[in-house]
Every structure is written in structure tokens, then in C-alpha cells.
Amino acid sequence: MRPVRFALFALYQLSVVLGVLLMPAALLARRIGVPVPFDRVLSGLGERVD
């Protein structure tokens, strides 16, 4: 596995874990009207890993 691809995969995994851990805060923020861009981050990293 190339180092760049490995780093992107690790970053993708880290962003998934952070997304799961921050889900309660994201739901609360969404409830009060603050947009949360987790989907854009994950989809962008997912495209690069594939």
C-alpha cells in the first residue's frame, strides 16, 4: 500500500470515528439551526480512498 493511500485511509477512518463521537453535538447543533458539514468531509475522503 502506498504511503499516500495509507495516510488517506487512516484519515478517513479517523474522520469516521470523530463523526460518531461528535454525533450528539452535531444533532444538537442541527436542532438549533447550525449546519454541520460532516457528510462533505466523509464523501470527499471516501472518493480519494477508493
N, C-alpha and C. Protein backbone atom coordinates (compact mmCIF):
# COMPACT_ATOMS: atom_id res chain seq x y z
N MET A 1 0.85 -1.17 0.00
CA MET A 1 0.00 0.00 0.00
C MET A 1 0.90 1.24 0.00
N ARG A 2 0.65 2.14 -0.92
CA ARG A 2 1.46 3.35 -1.00
C ARG A 2 1.25 4.22 0.23
N PRO A 3 2.26 4.95 0.66
CA PRO A 3 2.14 5.80 1.86
C PRO A 3 1.01 6.83 1.77
N VAL A 4 0.83 7.42 0.61
CA VAL A 4 -0.23 8.42 0.46
C VAL A 4 -1.60 7.77 0.61
N ARG A 5 -1.77 6.64 -0.01
CA ARG A 5 -3.05 5.94 0.09
C ARG A 5 -3.31 5.48 1.53
N PHE A 6 -2.27 5.01 2.20
CA PHE A 6 -2.40 4.61 3.59
C PHE A 6 -2.78 5.80 4.47
N ALA A 7 -2.15 6.94 4.24
CA ALA A 7 -2.46 8.14 5.02
C ALA A 7 -3.90 8.59 4.79
N LEU A 8 -4.36 8.54 3.54
CA LEU A 8 -5.75 8.90 3.25
C LEU A 8 -6.72 7.93 3.91
N PHE A 9 -6.39 6.65 3.89
CA PHE A 9 -7.24 5.67 4.54
C PHE A 9 -7.31 5.91 6.04
N ALA A 10 -6.17 6.19 6.66
CA ALA A 10 -6.13 6.47 8.11
C ALA A 10 -6.92 7.74 8.43
N LEU A 11 -6.80 8.75 7.59
CA LEU A 11 -7.55 9.99 7.78
C LEU A 11 -9.05 9.75 7.64
N TYR A 12 -9.42 8.91 6.69
CA TYR A 12 -10.83 8.56 6.51
C TYR A 12 -11.36 7.85 7.74
N GLN A 13 -10.61 6.88 8.26
CA GLN A 13 -11.04 6.15 9.45
C GLN A 13 -11.15 7.08 10.66
N LEU A 14 -10.21 7.98 10.79
CA LEU A 14 -10.24 8.94 11.89
C LEU A 14 -11.47 9.85 11.78
N SER A 15 -11.79 10.28 10.57
CA SER A 15 -12.95 11.14 10.40
C SER A 15 -14.25 10.39 10.70
N VAL A 16 -14.30 9.11 10.40
CA VAL A 16 -15.49 8.31 10.74
C VAL A 16 -15.64 8.22 12.26
N VAL A 17 -14.54 7.95 12.96
CA VAL A 17 -14.58 7.85 14.42
C VAL A 17 -14.99 9.20 15.03
N LEU A 18 -14.40 10.27 14.54
CA LEU A 18 -14.77 11.59 15.06
C LEU A 18 -16.24 11.91 14.78
N GLY A 19 -16.70 11.52 13.61
CA GLY A 19 -18.11 11.74 13.29
C GLY A 19 -19.03 11.01 14.23
N VAL A 20 -18.69 9.78 14.58
CA VAL A 20 -19.51 9.00 15.52
C VAL A 20 -19.46 9.64 16.91
N LEU A 21 -18.28 10.03 17.35
CA LEU A 21 -18.14 10.62 18.68
C LEU A 21 -18.82 11.98 18.80
N LEU A 22 -18.82 12.74 17.71
CA LEU A 22 -19.42 14.08 17.74
C LEU A 22 -20.88 14.10 17.31
N MET A 23 -21.46 12.94 17.05
CA MET A 23 -22.85 12.89 16.59
C MET A 23 -23.82 13.60 17.54
N PRO A 24 -23.74 13.39 18.86
CA PRO A 24 -24.68 14.11 19.74
C PRO A 24 -24.58 15.64 19.61
N ALA A 25 -23.34 16.13 19.52
CA ALA A 25 -23.16 17.58 19.36
C ALA A 25 -23.69 18.05 18.01
N ALA A 26 -23.50 17.25 16.98
CA ALA A 26 -24.00 17.61 15.65
C ALA A 26 -25.52 17.65 15.63
N LEU A 27 -26.15 16.68 16.27
CA LEU A 27 -27.61 16.66 16.32
C LEU A 27 -28.15 17.86 17.09
N LEU A 28 -27.51 18.22 18.18
CA LEU A 28 -27.92 19.39 18.94
C LEU A 28 -27.73 20.67 18.12
N ALA A 29 -26.58 20.77 17.44
CA ALA A 29 -26.33 21.95 16.61
C ALA A 29 -27.35 22.06 15.49
N ARG A 30 -27.69 20.94 14.88
CA ARG A 30 -28.67 20.95 13.80
C ARG A 30 -30.05 21.38 14.32
N ARG A 31 -30.36 20.94 15.53
CA ARG A 31 -31.65 21.28 16.13
C ARG A 31 -31.78 22.78 16.36
N ILE A 32 -30.66 23.44 16.70
CA ILE A 32 -30.73 24.89 16.92
C ILE A 32 -30.44 25.68 15.64
N GLY A 33 -30.17 24.98 14.54
CA GLY A 33 -30.05 25.65 13.24
C GLY A 33 -28.65 25.87 12.71
N VAL A 34 -27.66 25.24 13.29
CA VAL A 34 -26.28 25.38 12.81
C VAL A 34 -25.97 24.23 11.86
N PRO A 35 -25.56 24.52 10.60
CA PRO A 35 -25.24 23.43 9.67
C PRO A 35 -23.94 22.72 10.05
N VAL A 36 -23.92 21.40 9.86
CA VAL A 36 -22.75 20.59 10.18
C VAL A 36 -22.30 19.87 8.91
N PRO A 37 -21.05 20.11 8.43
CA PRO A 37 -20.60 19.58 7.13
C PRO A 37 -19.92 18.21 7.17
N PHE A 38 -20.29 17.31 8.10
CA PHE A 38 -19.62 16.02 8.18
C PHE A 38 -19.77 15.22 6.89
N ASP A 39 -20.92 15.29 6.25
CA ASP A 39 -21.14 14.49 5.05
C ASP A 39 -20.19 14.88 3.93
N ARG A 40 -19.88 16.16 3.81
CA ARG A 40 -18.95 16.61 2.77
C ARG A 40 -17.54 16.10 3.04
N VAL A 41 -17.13 16.12 4.30
CA VAL A 41 -15.79 15.64 4.66
C VAL A 41 -15.65 14.16 4.36
N LEU A 42 -16.62 13.39 4.82
CA LEU A 42 -16.55 11.93 4.62
C LEU A 42 -16.62 11.54 3.15
N SER A 43 -17.51 12.19 2.39
CA SER A 43 -17.60 11.83 0.97
C SER A 43 -16.35 12.23 0.22
N GLY A 44 -15.77 13.35 0.55
CA GLY A 44 -14.53 13.78 -0.10
C GLY A 44 -13.38 12.83 0.17
N LEU A 45 -13.23 12.41 1.42
CA LEU A 45 -12.16 11.46 1.76
C LEU A 45 -12.47 10.08 1.18
N GLY A 46 -13.72 9.68 1.19
CA GLY A 46 -14.11 8.37 0.63
C GLY A 46 -13.79 8.26 -0.84
N GLU A 47 -13.99 9.33 -1.59
CA GLU A 47 -13.68 9.32 -3.03
C GLU A 47 -12.18 9.17 -3.26
N ARG A 48 -11.39 9.79 -2.42
CA ARG A 48 -9.93 9.72 -2.59
C ARG A 48 -9.38 8.35 -2.23
N VAL A 49 -9.98 7.70 -1.23
CA VAL A 49 -9.52 6.37 -0.81
C VAL A 49 -9.86 5.33 -1.86
N ASP A 50 -11.05 5.43 -2.44
CA ASP A 50 -11.46 4.44 -3.47
C ASP A 50 -10.62 4.62 -4.68
